[in-house]
Amino acid sequence: MPIDIAGLRRQLREHLGMIGDSQDEIPDQDTNDKTGADTFLNRSFWEICAKFGFREQEVIGSFPTVQGTNFYQIPTLFDAIKNIDIEDLTDFSHKPLDRIDRDVFSQKYENRVDSQSKPELYFRESNGIRVWRTPDNTYTLTIKYRATLADLDNNNTTPPVPHEWHEVIMLGGVWRAQVGVNRDYDGARITRSFQGSLIDGLSTTDVKEQEDSHRAGLEVIGLDGEL
């Protein structure tokens, strides 16, 4: 059974021995409106999402290119590109774009209409991607990426990861609160060690499926679905 944000806050309070203290910054037994615990829980959640791959973070989006335009802004945050495919206009087959850096792009780029063609390469620039070659037509690009999951709060109440990871998130919040609220550094070390032992016994989707992501590792910004 999944644990919602109210349950995570309550368990965090119990570990800190703060039940019934209506003046502390951790939510109390008589109200779930106070959100002081969310800071510690979300820091734990961010760390786990950054270190481990979850199926819930895997998203595919697509968008059309524009003739003569090689930069495409992507408006929503996510962690890493897995791959970018381009669809051929003739046989509709898909071919991956290879990642390059700005130096390679600068060496190849020619600002001429007659140099435009089907894109073959890409690199990240600011809040989007720049492709080479500059498109000479409207192509469909498909991006597979690892999304940034929304923070936990009163509107996003349940961690969108497998249930067995909810306790790991809670314990990560506990040891952070033990440091930040109780100044209990010895207790924090013990809790963190226990959290680590739980993690050692779990496998994520990426580990289970051994997904090929040789084009991954680039931090970009993106959007679920149509871009």
N, C-alpha and C. Protein backbone atom coordinates (compact mmCIF):
# COMPACT_ATOMS: atom_id res chain seq x y z
N MET A 1 0.85 -1.19 0.00
CA MET A 1 0.00 0.00 0.00
C MET A 1 0.88 1.24 0.00
N PRO A 2 0.66 2.18 -0.92
CA PRO A 2 1.51 3.38 -0.96
C PRO A 2 1.29 4.27 0.24
N ILE A 3 2.30 5.07 0.56
CA ILE A 3 2.22 6.02 1.66
C ILE A 3 2.07 7.41 1.08
N ASP A 4 1.04 8.15 1.49
CA ASP A 4 0.87 9.50 0.97
C ASP A 4 1.67 10.48 1.81
N ILE A 5 1.63 11.75 1.41
CA ILE A 5 2.46 12.76 2.06
C ILE A 5 2.11 12.92 3.54
N ALA A 6 0.82 12.79 3.89
CA ALA A 6 0.44 12.89 5.30
C ALA A 6 1.06 11.75 6.11
N GLY A 7 1.06 10.53 5.53
CA GLY A 7 1.67 9.40 6.23
C GLY A 7 3.17 9.55 6.37
N LEU A 8 3.82 10.06 5.32
CA LEU A 8 5.27 10.28 5.39
C LEU A 8 5.61 11.31 6.45
N ARG A 9 4.83 12.39 6.51
CA ARG A 9 5.06 13.42 7.54
C ARG A 9 4.89 12.83 8.94
N ARG A 10 3.82 12.04 9.10
CA ARG A 10 3.54 11.47 10.42
C ARG A 10 4.65 10.51 10.85
N GLN A 11 5.12 9.67 9.94
CA GLN A 11 6.20 8.75 10.28
C GLN A 11 7.49 9.50 10.58
N LEU A 12 7.74 10.57 9.83
CA LEU A 12 8.92 11.37 10.11
C LEU A 12 8.85 11.95 11.52
N ARG A 13 7.67 12.48 11.91
CA ARG A 13 7.49 13.01 13.27
C ARG A 13 7.75 11.94 14.31
N GLU A 14 7.21 10.73 14.05
CA GLU A 14 7.36 9.65 15.03
C GLU A 14 8.83 9.31 15.25
N HIS A 15 9.62 9.28 14.18
CA HIS A 15 11.05 8.98 14.30
C HIS A 15 11.78 10.08 15.08
N LEU A 16 11.27 11.31 14.98
CA LEU A 16 11.92 12.42 15.68
C LEU A 16 11.38 12.61 17.10
N GLY A 17 10.33 11.87 17.46
CA GLY A 17 9.74 12.01 18.79
C GLY A 17 9.01 13.32 18.96
N MET A 18 8.38 13.84 17.89
CA MET A 18 7.75 15.16 17.94
C MET A 18 6.23 15.11 17.94
N ILE A 19 5.62 13.97 18.11
CA ILE A 19 4.17 13.88 18.08
C ILE A 19 3.58 14.73 19.21
N GLY A 20 2.57 15.56 18.86
CA GLY A 20 1.86 16.35 19.86
C GLY A 20 2.45 17.72 20.12
N ASP A 21 3.62 18.03 19.59
CA ASP A 21 4.21 19.34 19.80
C ASP A 21 3.74 20.27 18.69
N SER A 22 2.72 21.08 18.97
CA SER A 22 2.10 21.90 17.94
C SER A 22 2.93 23.11 17.56
N GLN A 23 4.07 23.32 18.23
CA GLN A 23 4.90 24.49 17.93
C GLN A 23 6.09 24.17 17.02
N ASP A 24 6.39 22.90 16.80
CA ASP A 24 7.55 22.59 15.98
C ASP A 24 7.22 22.77 14.50
N GLU A 25 8.23 22.70 13.66
CA GLU A 25 8.04 22.91 12.23
C GLU A 25 7.78 21.63 11.47
N ILE A 26 7.66 20.54 12.20
CA ILE A 26 7.28 19.28 11.59
C ILE A 26 5.77 19.14 11.77
N PRO A 27 4.99 18.70 10.77
CA PRO A 27 3.53 18.61 10.93
C PRO A 27 3.14 17.80 12.16
N ASP A 28 2.09 18.21 12.84
CA ASP A 28 1.67 17.59 14.10
C ASP A 28 0.59 16.54 13.88
N GLN A 29 0.31 15.81 14.95
CA GLN A 29 -0.68 14.75 14.90
C GLN A 29 -2.08 15.31 14.61
N ASP A 30 -2.34 16.56 15.02
CA ASP A 30 -3.68 17.11 14.88
C ASP A 30 -3.87 17.92 13.59
N THR A 31 -2.86 18.03 12.75
CA THR A 31 -3.02 18.75 11.49
C THR A 31 -1.99 18.27 10.48
N ASN A 32 -2.41 18.24 9.23
CA ASN A 32 -1.49 17.90 8.14
C ASN A 32 -1.23 19.10 7.25
N ASP A 33 -1.66 20.29 7.68
CA ASP A 33 -1.51 21.48 6.87
C ASP A 33 -0.10 22.05 6.93
N LYS A 34 0.60 21.84 8.04
CA LYS A 34 1.96 22.37 8.16
C LYS A 34 2.91 21.52 7.32
N THR A 35 3.78 22.19 6.59
CA THR A 35 4.57 21.48 5.58
C THR A 35 6.07 21.55 5.84
N GLY A 36 6.50 21.77 7.08
CA GLY A 36 7.92 21.81 7.37
C GLY A 36 8.64 20.52 7.01
N ALA A 37 7.97 19.39 7.17
CA ALA A 37 8.58 18.10 6.87
C ALA A 37 8.84 17.92 5.39
N ASP A 38 8.08 18.63 4.55
CA ASP A 38 8.19 18.43 3.11
C ASP A 38 9.58 18.77 2.59
N THR A 39 10.24 19.74 3.22
CA THR A 39 11.59 20.10 2.80
C THR A 39 12.52 18.90 2.89
N PHE A 40 12.49 18.21 4.03
CA PHE A 40 13.37 17.07 4.24
C PHE A 40 12.97 15.88 3.37
N LEU A 41 11.65 15.65 3.22
CA LEU A 41 11.18 14.55 2.39
C LEU A 41 11.52 14.78 0.93
N ASN A 42 11.36 16.00 0.45
CA ASN A 42 11.67 16.27 -0.96
C ASN A 42 13.16 16.22 -1.24
N ARG A 43 13.99 16.64 -0.29
CA ARG A 43 15.43 16.51 -0.50
C ARG A 43 15.82 15.04 -0.65
N SER A 44 15.18 14.20 0.15
CA SER A 44 15.40 12.76 0.02
C SER A 44 14.91 12.25 -1.32
N PHE A 45 13.73 12.69 -1.73
CA PHE A 45 13.12 12.29 -2.99
C PHE A 45 13.99 12.71 -4.17
N TRP A 46 14.51 13.95 -4.14
CA TRP A 46 15.37 14.45 -5.23
C TRP A 46 16.63 13.59 -5.36
N GLU A 47 17.24 13.26 -4.22
CA GLU A 47 18.47 12.48 -4.25
C GLU A 47 18.23 11.11 -4.86
N ILE A 48 17.15 10.47 -4.45
CA ILE A 48 16.85 9.12 -4.94
C ILE A 48 16.56 9.14 -6.44
N CYS A 49 15.81 10.13 -6.89
CA CYS A 49 15.49 10.22 -8.32
C CYS A 49 16.74 10.51 -9.14
N ALA A 50 17.67 11.30 -8.57
CA ALA A 50 18.90 11.64 -9.29
C ALA A 50 19.83 10.43 -9.41
N LYS A 51 19.85 9.58 -8.39
CA LYS A 51 20.79 8.46 -8.36
C LYS A 51 20.28 7.21 -9.05
N PHE A 52 18.96 7.03 -9.08
CA PHE A 52 18.40 5.78 -9.56
C PHE A 52 17.39 6.03 -10.68
N GLY A 53 17.30 5.08 -11.60
CA GLY A 53 16.37 5.20 -12.71
C GLY A 53 15.05 4.52 -12.40
N PHE A 54 13.94 5.24 -12.57
CA PHE A 54 12.62 4.67 -12.34
C PHE A 54 11.82 4.70 -13.64
N ARG A 55 11.03 3.68 -13.83
CA ARG A 55 10.18 3.61 -15.02
C ARG A 55 9.29 4.85 -15.13
N GLU A 56 8.85 5.35 -13.99
CA GLU A 56 7.95 6.51 -13.98
C GLU A 56 8.61 7.77 -14.51
N GLN A 57 9.94 7.79 -14.59
CA GLN A 57 10.65 8.96 -15.12
C GLN A 57 10.86 8.89 -16.62
N GLU A 58 10.61 7.72 -17.22
CA GLU A 58 10.86 7.55 -18.64
C GLU A 58 9.70 8.09 -19.46
N VAL A 59 9.98 9.07 -20.29
CA VAL A 59 8.94 9.74 -21.07
C VAL A 59 9.40 9.87 -22.52
N ILE A 60 8.45 9.80 -23.44
CA ILE A 60 8.74 10.02 -24.86
C ILE A 60 7.90 11.19 -25.36
N GLY A 61 8.55 12.15 -26.02
CA GLY A 61 7.86 13.28 -26.61
C GLY A 61 8.30 13.47 -28.05
N SER A 62 7.47 14.14 -28.85
CA SER A 62 7.83 14.37 -30.25
C SER A 62 7.44 15.78 -30.66
N PHE A 63 8.14 16.31 -31.68
CA PHE A 63 7.83 17.63 -32.20
C PHE A 63 8.35 17.75 -33.63
N PRO A 64 7.76 18.63 -34.43
CA PRO A 64 8.20 18.81 -35.81
C PRO A 64 9.33 19.83 -35.91
N THR A 65 10.22 19.63 -36.85
CA THR A 65 11.22 20.65 -37.14
C THR A 65 10.60 21.70 -38.07
N VAL A 66 11.30 22.82 -38.19
CA VAL A 66 10.87 23.91 -39.07
C VAL A 66 11.99 24.16 -40.07
N GLN A 67 11.66 24.24 -41.32
CA GLN A 67 12.67 24.48 -42.35
C GLN A 67 13.45 25.76 -42.03
N GLY A 68 14.78 25.66 -42.04
CA GLY A 68 15.64 26.80 -41.80
C GLY A 68 15.90 27.10 -40.33
N THR A 69 15.35 26.30 -39.42
CA THR A 69 15.52 26.52 -37.97
C THR A 69 16.27 25.34 -37.36
N ASN A 70 17.40 25.63 -36.68
CA ASN A 70 18.16 24.52 -36.09
C ASN A 70 18.14 24.52 -34.57
N PHE A 71 17.48 25.50 -33.93
CA PHE A 71 17.37 25.52 -32.47
C PHE A 71 15.93 25.32 -32.05
N TYR A 72 15.72 24.43 -31.06
CA TYR A 72 14.37 24.11 -30.60
C TYR A 72 14.33 24.18 -29.08
N GLN A 73 13.60 25.17 -28.58
CA GLN A 73 13.43 25.33 -27.14
C GLN A 73 12.45 24.30 -26.63
N ILE A 74 12.80 23.70 -25.48
CA ILE A 74 11.95 22.66 -24.89
C ILE A 74 11.57 23.13 -23.49
N PRO A 75 10.29 23.36 -23.21
CA PRO A 75 9.89 24.18 -22.07
C PRO A 75 9.84 23.56 -20.69
N THR A 76 9.90 22.23 -20.55
CA THR A 76 9.71 21.63 -19.23
C THR A 76 10.95 20.88 -18.79
N LEU A 77 11.32 21.01 -17.51
CA LEU A 77 12.54 20.41 -17.00
C LEU A 77 12.52 18.89 -17.03
N PHE A 78 13.66 18.30 -17.41
CA PHE A 78 13.88 16.89 -17.16
C PHE A 78 15.37 16.64 -17.03
N ASP A 79 15.73 15.43 -16.61
CA ASP A 79 17.10 15.16 -16.18
C ASP A 79 18.06 14.84 -17.31
N ALA A 80 17.69 13.92 -18.20
CA ALA A 80 18.67 13.45 -19.17
C ALA A 80 18.00 12.91 -20.42
N ILE A 81 18.63 13.17 -21.57
CA ILE A 81 18.18 12.59 -22.82
C ILE A 81 18.65 11.14 -22.91
N LYS A 82 17.75 10.25 -23.29
CA LYS A 82 18.14 8.89 -23.62
C LYS A 82 18.55 8.81 -25.08
N ASN A 83 17.68 9.30 -25.95
CA ASN A 83 18.03 9.34 -27.37
C ASN A 83 17.05 10.25 -28.11
N ILE A 84 17.47 10.70 -29.31
CA ILE A 84 16.61 11.46 -30.21
C ILE A 84 16.59 10.74 -31.55
N ASP A 85 15.39 10.46 -32.05
CA ASP A 85 15.22 9.82 -33.35
C ASP A 85 14.62 10.81 -34.34
N ILE A 86 14.95 10.65 -35.60
CA ILE A 86 14.32 11.44 -36.66
C ILE A 86 13.64 10.51 -37.64
N GLU A 87 12.45 10.90 -38.07
CA GLU A 87 11.69 10.07 -39.00
C GLU A 87 11.97 10.49 -40.44
N ASP A 88 12.26 9.52 -41.27
CA ASP A 88 12.54 9.78 -42.67
C ASP A 88 11.25 10.12 -43.41
N LEU A 89 11.33 11.08 -44.34
CA LEU A 89 10.14 11.53 -45.05
C LEU A 89 9.70 10.55 -46.13
N THR A 90 10.58 9.68 -46.57
CA THR A 90 10.26 8.76 -47.67
C THR A 90 9.77 7.41 -47.17
N ASP A 91 10.57 6.74 -46.34
CA ASP A 91 10.18 5.40 -45.90
C ASP A 91 9.70 5.35 -44.45
N PHE A 92 9.69 6.53 -43.78
CA PHE A 92 9.18 6.66 -42.40
C PHE A 92 9.98 5.86 -41.37
N SER A 93 11.17 5.46 -41.76
CA SER A 93 12.04 4.78 -40.80
C SER A 93 12.61 5.80 -39.81
N HIS A 94 13.09 5.30 -38.67
CA HIS A 94 13.64 6.17 -37.63
C HIS A 94 15.14 5.93 -37.48
N LYS A 95 15.88 7.02 -37.38
CA LYS A 95 17.32 6.93 -37.20
C LYS A 95 17.73 7.84 -36.04
N PRO A 96 18.57 7.36 -35.12
CA PRO A 96 18.98 8.20 -33.99
C PRO A 96 19.94 9.31 -34.41
N LEU A 97 19.78 10.48 -33.78
CA LEU A 97 20.76 11.55 -33.93
C LEU A 97 21.89 11.31 -32.95
N ASP A 98 23.11 11.53 -33.38
CA ASP A 98 24.26 11.40 -32.49
C ASP A 98 24.54 12.73 -31.80
N ARG A 99 25.02 12.64 -30.55
CA ARG A 99 25.30 13.84 -29.76
C ARG A 99 26.70 14.35 -30.05
N ILE A 100 26.82 15.67 -30.19
CA ILE A 100 28.11 16.32 -30.39
C ILE A 100 28.22 17.47 -29.39
N ASP A 101 29.33 18.20 -29.41
CA ASP A 101 29.45 19.41 -28.60
C ASP A 101 29.45 20.63 -29.52
N ARG A 102 29.47 21.82 -28.92
CA ARG A 102 29.39 23.05 -29.69
C ARG A 102 30.56 23.20 -30.66
N ASP A 103 31.75 22.78 -30.25
CA ASP A 103 32.92 22.92 -31.12
C ASP A 103 32.73 22.16 -32.43
N VAL A 104 32.22 20.94 -32.33
CA VAL A 104 31.99 20.15 -33.55
C VAL A 104 30.93 20.84 -34.41
N PHE A 105 29.88 21.33 -33.77
CA PHE A 105 28.83 22.02 -34.52
C PHE A 105 29.41 23.23 -35.25
N SER A 106 30.23 24.03 -34.55
CA SER A 106 30.80 25.23 -35.16
C SER A 106 31.67 24.90 -36.36
N GLN A 107 32.37 23.78 -36.29
CA GLN A 107 33.21 23.37 -37.41
C GLN A 107 32.39 22.93 -38.63
N LYS A 108 31.21 22.40 -38.38
CA LYS A 108 30.38 21.86 -39.46
C LYS A 108 29.39 22.87 -40.02
N TYR A 109 28.95 23.83 -39.18
CA TYR A 109 27.82 24.69 -39.56
C TYR A 109 28.18 25.65 -40.69
N GLU A 110 27.28 25.74 -41.67
CA GLU A 110 27.38 26.70 -42.76
C GLU A 110 26.03 27.39 -42.90
N ASN A 111 26.03 28.71 -42.81
CA ASN A 111 24.78 29.47 -42.83
C ASN A 111 24.35 29.74 -44.27
N ARG A 112 24.03 28.64 -44.96
CA ARG A 112 23.59 28.74 -46.34
C ARG A 112 22.38 27.83 -46.55
N VAL A 113 21.45 28.31 -47.36
CA VAL A 113 20.26 27.52 -47.64
C VAL A 113 20.61 26.20 -48.32
N ASP A 114 21.63 26.24 -49.20
CA ASP A 114 21.95 25.02 -49.93
C ASP A 114 22.67 23.98 -49.06
N SER A 115 23.01 24.33 -47.79
CA SER A 115 23.61 23.36 -46.88
C SER A 115 22.57 22.69 -45.98
N GLN A 116 21.32 23.12 -46.10
CA GLN A 116 20.25 22.53 -45.29
C GLN A 116 19.93 21.13 -45.78
N SER A 117 19.60 20.25 -44.80
CA SER A 117 19.31 18.87 -45.15
C SER A 117 18.65 18.19 -43.94
N LYS A 118 18.49 16.92 -44.00
CA LYS A 118 17.93 16.16 -42.89
C LYS A 118 18.91 16.17 -41.71
N PRO A 119 18.47 16.56 -40.50
CA PRO A 119 19.36 16.60 -39.33
C PRO A 119 19.99 15.24 -39.03
N GLU A 120 21.25 15.28 -38.59
CA GLU A 120 21.98 14.07 -38.25
C GLU A 120 22.56 14.10 -36.84
N LEU A 121 22.83 15.30 -36.30
CA LEU A 121 23.51 15.46 -35.02
C LEU A 121 22.77 16.49 -34.17
N TYR A 122 23.07 16.50 -32.85
CA TYR A 122 22.47 17.50 -31.97
C TYR A 122 23.41 17.78 -30.80
N PHE A 123 23.18 18.94 -30.16
CA PHE A 123 23.80 19.20 -28.87
C PHE A 123 22.88 20.12 -28.07
N ARG A 124 23.06 20.12 -26.76
CA ARG A 124 22.26 20.97 -25.90
C ARG A 124 22.79 22.39 -25.93
N GLU A 125 21.86 23.35 -25.98
CA GLU A 125 22.23 24.75 -25.88
C GLU A 125 21.18 25.46 -25.06
N SER A 126 21.60 26.03 -23.91
CA SER A 126 20.69 26.75 -23.03
C SER A 126 19.51 25.85 -22.66
N ASN A 127 18.29 26.28 -22.98
CA ASN A 127 17.10 25.52 -22.59
C ASN A 127 16.50 24.74 -23.77
N GLY A 128 17.36 24.28 -24.66
CA GLY A 128 16.86 23.52 -25.79
C GLY A 128 17.96 22.70 -26.45
N ILE A 129 17.72 22.30 -27.69
CA ILE A 129 18.71 21.55 -28.46
C ILE A 129 18.93 22.25 -29.80
N ARG A 130 20.14 22.12 -30.33
CA ARG A 130 20.45 22.63 -31.66
C ARG A 130 20.89 21.45 -32.51
N VAL A 131 20.33 21.38 -33.71
CA VAL A 131 20.60 20.24 -34.59
C VAL A 131 21.47 20.65 -35.77
N TRP A 132 22.20 19.67 -36.27
CA TRP A 132 22.95 19.82 -37.52
C TRP A 132 22.62 18.60 -38.37
N ARG A 133 22.26 18.74 -39.52
CA ARG A 133 22.17 19.92 -40.33
C ARG A 133 20.90 20.71 -40.03
N THR A 134 20.88 21.99 -40.48
CA THR A 134 19.65 22.76 -40.39
C THR A 134 18.60 22.12 -41.29
N PRO A 135 17.39 21.87 -40.76
CA PRO A 135 16.38 21.15 -41.55
C PRO A 135 16.01 21.87 -42.85
N ASP A 136 15.86 21.08 -43.90
CA ASP A 136 15.40 21.60 -45.18
C ASP A 136 13.93 21.31 -45.41
N ASN A 137 13.28 20.70 -44.39
CA ASN A 137 11.89 20.30 -44.52
C ASN A 137 11.33 20.11 -43.11
N THR A 138 10.09 19.67 -43.03
CA THR A 138 9.47 19.38 -41.73
C THR A 138 9.66 17.90 -41.40
N TYR A 139 10.52 17.63 -40.43
CA TYR A 139 10.77 16.27 -39.96
C TYR A 139 10.18 16.11 -38.56
N THR A 140 9.90 14.88 -38.18
CA THR A 140 9.44 14.60 -36.82
C THR A 140 10.60 14.08 -35.98
N LEU A 141 10.91 14.80 -34.89
CA LEU A 141 11.92 14.35 -33.95
C LEU A 141 11.21 13.73 -32.74
N THR A 142 11.69 12.59 -32.29
CA THR A 142 11.15 11.93 -31.11
C THR A 142 12.24 11.83 -30.06
N ILE A 143 11.94 12.34 -28.87
CA ILE A 143 12.92 12.34 -27.77
C ILE A 143 12.45 11.40 -26.68
N LYS A 144 13.34 10.53 -26.26
CA LYS A 144 13.12 9.73 -25.06
C LYS A 144 13.99 10.32 -23.97
N TYR A 145 13.40 10.65 -22.83
CA TYR A 145 14.14 11.34 -21.80
C TYR A 145 13.69 10.92 -20.41
N ARG A 146 14.51 11.26 -19.44
CA ARG A 146 14.19 10.99 -18.04
C ARG A 146 13.63 12.26 -17.43
N ALA A 147 12.36 12.22 -17.08
CA ALA A 147 11.67 13.41 -16.59
C ALA A 147 12.03 13.71 -15.14
N THR A 148 11.87 14.98 -14.78
CA THR A 148 11.97 15.40 -13.39
C THR A 148 10.60 15.26 -12.75
N LEU A 149 10.47 14.38 -11.76
CA LEU A 149 9.17 14.15 -11.12
C LEU A 149 8.80 15.32 -10.23
N ALA A 150 7.51 15.60 -10.15
CA ALA A 150 7.03 16.73 -9.36
C ALA A 150 7.31 16.53 -7.87
N ASP A 151 7.56 17.63 -7.17
CA ASP A 151 7.79 17.57 -5.73
C ASP A 151 6.57 17.06 -5.00
N LEU A 152 6.80 16.49 -3.81
CA LEU A 152 5.72 16.03 -2.96
C LEU A 152 5.13 17.21 -2.21
N ASP A 153 3.81 17.33 -2.22
CA ASP A 153 3.13 18.39 -1.47
C ASP A 153 1.67 18.00 -1.32
N ASN A 154 0.83 18.95 -0.87
CA ASN A 154 -0.58 18.63 -0.65
C ASN A 154 -1.34 18.36 -1.94
N ASN A 155 -0.79 18.78 -3.08
CA ASN A 155 -1.43 18.52 -4.37
C ASN A 155 -0.86 17.29 -5.06
N ASN A 156 0.38 16.96 -4.76
CA ASN A 156 1.03 15.77 -5.31
C ASN A 156 1.39 14.88 -4.13
N THR A 157 0.43 14.09 -3.69
CA THR A 157 0.48 13.52 -2.35
C THR A 157 1.22 12.18 -2.25
N THR A 158 1.38 11.46 -3.35
CA THR A 158 1.98 10.12 -3.27
C THR A 158 3.21 10.04 -4.16
N PRO A 159 4.35 9.60 -3.63
CA PRO A 159 5.55 9.47 -4.46
C PRO A 159 5.28 8.57 -5.67
N PRO A 160 5.51 9.06 -6.89
CA PRO A 160 5.20 8.29 -8.10
C PRO A 160 6.29 7.30 -8.47
N VAL A 161 6.78 6.55 -7.48
CA VAL A 161 7.80 5.52 -7.69
C VAL A 161 7.30 4.26 -7.01
N PRO A 162 7.89 3.09 -7.29
CA PRO A 162 7.42 1.85 -6.67
C PRO A 162 7.29 1.96 -5.15
N HIS A 163 6.28 1.27 -4.61
CA HIS A 163 5.94 1.40 -3.19
C HIS A 163 7.10 1.09 -2.25
N GLU A 164 7.96 0.14 -2.65
CA GLU A 164 9.04 -0.27 -1.76
C GLU A 164 10.06 0.86 -1.55
N TRP A 165 10.02 1.88 -2.39
CA TRP A 165 10.94 3.02 -2.24
C TRP A 165 10.39 4.10 -1.32
N HIS A 166 9.11 4.02 -0.93
CA HIS A 166 8.53 5.04 -0.08
C HIS A 166 9.20 5.10 1.29
N GLU A 167 9.51 3.93 1.85
CA GLU A 167 10.21 3.92 3.14
C GLU A 167 11.60 4.51 3.01
N VAL A 168 12.25 4.27 1.88
CA VAL A 168 13.57 4.83 1.65
C VAL A 168 13.50 6.36 1.63
N ILE A 169 12.47 6.91 0.96
CA ILE A 169 12.27 8.36 0.93
C ILE A 169 12.05 8.89 2.34
N MET A 170 11.19 8.21 3.10
CA MET A 170 10.90 8.66 4.45
C MET A 170 12.16 8.68 5.32
N LEU A 171 12.96 7.61 5.25
CA LEU A 171 14.18 7.55 6.07
C LEU A 171 15.19 8.61 5.65
N GLY A 172 15.24 8.92 4.35
CA GLY A 172 16.10 10.00 3.90
C GLY A 172 15.66 11.34 4.47
N GLY A 173 14.35 11.52 4.60
CA GLY A 173 13.84 12.73 5.25
C GLY A 173 14.15 12.74 6.74
N VAL A 174 14.08 11.57 7.37
CA VAL A 174 14.33 11.48 8.81
C VAL A 174 15.76 11.90 9.15
N TRP A 175 16.77 11.33 8.47
CA TRP A 175 18.13 11.66 8.87
C TRP A 175 18.47 13.11 8.56
N ARG A 176 17.84 13.67 7.55
CA ARG A 176 18.05 15.09 7.28
C ARG A 176 17.43 15.95 8.39
N ALA A 177 16.24 15.55 8.84
CA ALA A 177 15.60 16.28 9.94
C ALA A 177 16.33 16.07 11.26
N GLN A 178 16.90 14.89 11.45
CA GLN A 178 17.69 14.66 12.67
C GLN A 178 18.87 15.62 12.73
N VAL A 179 19.44 15.93 11.58
CA VAL A 179 20.52 16.91 11.54
C VAL A 179 19.97 18.33 11.64
N GLY A 180 18.95 18.64 10.82
CA GLY A 180 18.48 20.01 10.70
C GLY A 180 17.60 20.48 11.84
N VAL A 181 16.89 19.56 12.49
CA VAL A 181 15.96 19.95 13.57
C VAL A 181 16.49 19.55 14.93
N ASN A 182 16.85 18.28 15.10
CA ASN A 182 17.27 17.77 16.42
C ASN A 182 18.75 17.92 16.70
N ARG A 183 19.55 18.22 15.66
CA ARG A 183 21.01 18.26 15.80
C ARG A 183 21.54 16.94 16.36
N ASP A 184 20.85 15.84 15.97
CA ASP A 184 21.21 14.51 16.44
C ASP A 184 22.06 13.84 15.36
N TYR A 185 23.35 14.14 15.35
CA TYR A 185 24.23 13.66 14.29
C TYR A 185 24.49 12.15 14.38
N ASP A 186 24.58 11.62 15.59
CA ASP A 186 24.77 10.18 15.74
C ASP A 186 23.54 9.42 15.24
N GLY A 187 22.36 9.91 15.62
CA GLY A 187 21.13 9.28 15.15
C GLY A 187 20.99 9.36 13.65
N ALA A 188 21.42 10.49 13.06
CA ALA A 188 21.36 10.65 11.61
C ALA A 188 22.25 9.64 10.91
N ARG A 189 23.44 9.39 11.46
CA ARG A 189 24.34 8.41 10.84
C ARG A 189 23.73 7.02 10.88
N ILE A 190 23.09 6.68 11.98
CA ILE A 190 22.46 5.35 12.09
C ILE A 190 21.31 5.23 11.10
N THR A 191 20.46 6.26 11.04
CA THR A 191 19.32 6.23 10.12
C THR A 191 19.77 6.16 8.68
N ARG A 192 20.81 6.93 8.35
CA ARG A 192 21.30 6.92 6.97
C ARG A 192 21.88 5.55 6.62
N SER A 193 22.54 4.92 7.57
CA SER A 193 23.08 3.59 7.33
C SER A 193 21.95 2.59 7.09
N PHE A 194 20.88 2.70 7.87
CA PHE A 194 19.74 1.81 7.71
C PHE A 194 19.07 2.05 6.36
N GLN A 195 18.95 3.33 5.97
CA GLN A 195 18.40 3.65 4.65
C GLN A 195 19.25 3.01 3.54
N GLY A 196 20.57 3.08 3.69
CA GLY A 196 21.47 2.49 2.70
C GLY A 196 21.29 0.98 2.59
N SER A 197 21.06 0.33 3.72
CA SER A 197 20.87 -1.12 3.69
C SER A 197 19.58 -1.49 2.96
N LEU A 198 18.54 -0.66 3.09
CA LEU A 198 17.31 -0.91 2.35
C LEU A 198 17.54 -0.73 0.85
N ILE A 199 18.27 0.32 0.49
CA ILE A 199 18.55 0.58 -0.92
C ILE A 199 19.32 -0.58 -1.54
N ASP A 200 20.27 -1.14 -0.79
CA ASP A 200 21.08 -2.24 -1.30
C ASP A 200 20.24 -3.45 -1.69
N GLY A 201 19.08 -3.59 -1.06
CA GLY A 201 18.22 -4.74 -1.34
C GLY A 201 17.19 -4.49 -2.43
N LEU A 202 17.21 -3.29 -3.02
CA LEU A 202 16.22 -2.95 -4.04
C LEU A 202 16.88 -2.82 -5.41
N SER A 203 16.10 -3.06 -6.45
CA SER A 203 16.56 -2.86 -7.82
C SER A 203 15.61 -1.90 -8.51
N THR A 204 16.15 -1.03 -9.34
CA THR A 204 15.32 -0.12 -10.11
C THR A 204 15.04 -0.70 -11.48
N THR A 205 14.14 -0.05 -12.20
CA THR A 205 13.79 -0.53 -13.54
C THR A 205 15.00 -0.56 -14.46
N ASP A 206 15.84 0.48 -14.41
CA ASP A 206 17.00 0.53 -15.28
C ASP A 206 17.93 -0.65 -15.04
N VAL A 207 18.12 -1.00 -13.76
CA VAL A 207 18.99 -2.12 -13.43
C VAL A 207 18.37 -3.42 -13.91
N LYS A 208 17.06 -3.58 -13.72
CA LYS A 208 16.39 -4.81 -14.10
C LYS A 208 16.40 -5.03 -15.60
N GLU A 209 16.20 -3.96 -16.35
CA GLU A 209 16.06 -4.11 -17.79
C GLU A 209 17.36 -3.93 -18.54
N GLN A 210 18.42 -3.40 -17.86
CA GLN A 210 19.70 -3.18 -18.50
C GLN A 210 19.53 -2.44 -19.82
N GLU A 211 18.84 -1.32 -19.74
CA GLU A 211 18.52 -0.55 -20.94
C GLU A 211 19.76 0.05 -21.55
N ASP A 212 19.84 0.00 -22.89
CA ASP A 212 20.95 0.63 -23.61
C ASP A 212 20.70 2.12 -23.66
N SER A 213 21.60 2.91 -23.06
CA SER A 213 21.43 4.36 -23.05
C SER A 213 22.75 5.03 -23.38
N HIS A 214 23.43 4.56 -24.45
CA HIS A 214 24.76 5.07 -24.76
C HIS A 214 24.73 6.51 -25.21
N ARG A 215 23.54 7.04 -25.53
CA ARG A 215 23.44 8.45 -25.88
C ARG A 215 22.89 9.27 -24.73
N ALA A 216 22.77 8.66 -23.53
CA ALA A 216 22.22 9.35 -22.38
C ALA A 216 23.28 10.18 -21.69
N GLY A 217 22.84 10.89 -20.62
CA GLY A 217 23.79 11.61 -19.79
C GLY A 217 23.79 13.09 -20.02
N LEU A 218 22.98 13.61 -20.95
CA LEU A 218 22.94 15.04 -21.22
C LEU A 218 21.77 15.66 -20.49
N GLU A 219 21.99 16.65 -19.67
CA GLU A 219 20.92 17.33 -18.98
C GLU A 219 20.25 18.30 -19.95
N VAL A 220 18.90 18.15 -20.06
CA VAL A 220 18.17 19.04 -20.95
C VAL A 220 16.84 19.38 -20.33
N ILE A 221 16.04 20.13 -21.08
CA ILE A 221 14.71 20.50 -20.65
C ILE A 221 13.73 19.91 -21.63
N GLY A 222 12.58 19.38 -21.15
CA GLY A 222 11.67 18.74 -22.08
C GLY A 222 10.24 18.70 -21.59
N LEU A 223 9.36 18.07 -22.37
CA LEU A 223 7.94 18.06 -22.10
C LEU A 223 7.36 16.69 -22.45
N ASP A 224 6.44 16.22 -21.61
CA ASP A 224 5.78 14.96 -21.86
C ASP A 224 4.80 15.13 -23.03
N GLY A 225 4.89 14.22 -24.01
CA GLY A 225 3.99 14.26 -25.14
C GLY A 225 4.44 15.23 -26.20
N GLU A 226 3.47 15.87 -26.86
CA GLU A 226 3.80 16.82 -27.93
C GLU A 226 4.54 18.01 -27.35
N LEU A 227 5.57 18.48 -28.04
CA LEU A 227 6.36 19.61 -27.57
C LEU A 227 5.99 20.88 -28.31
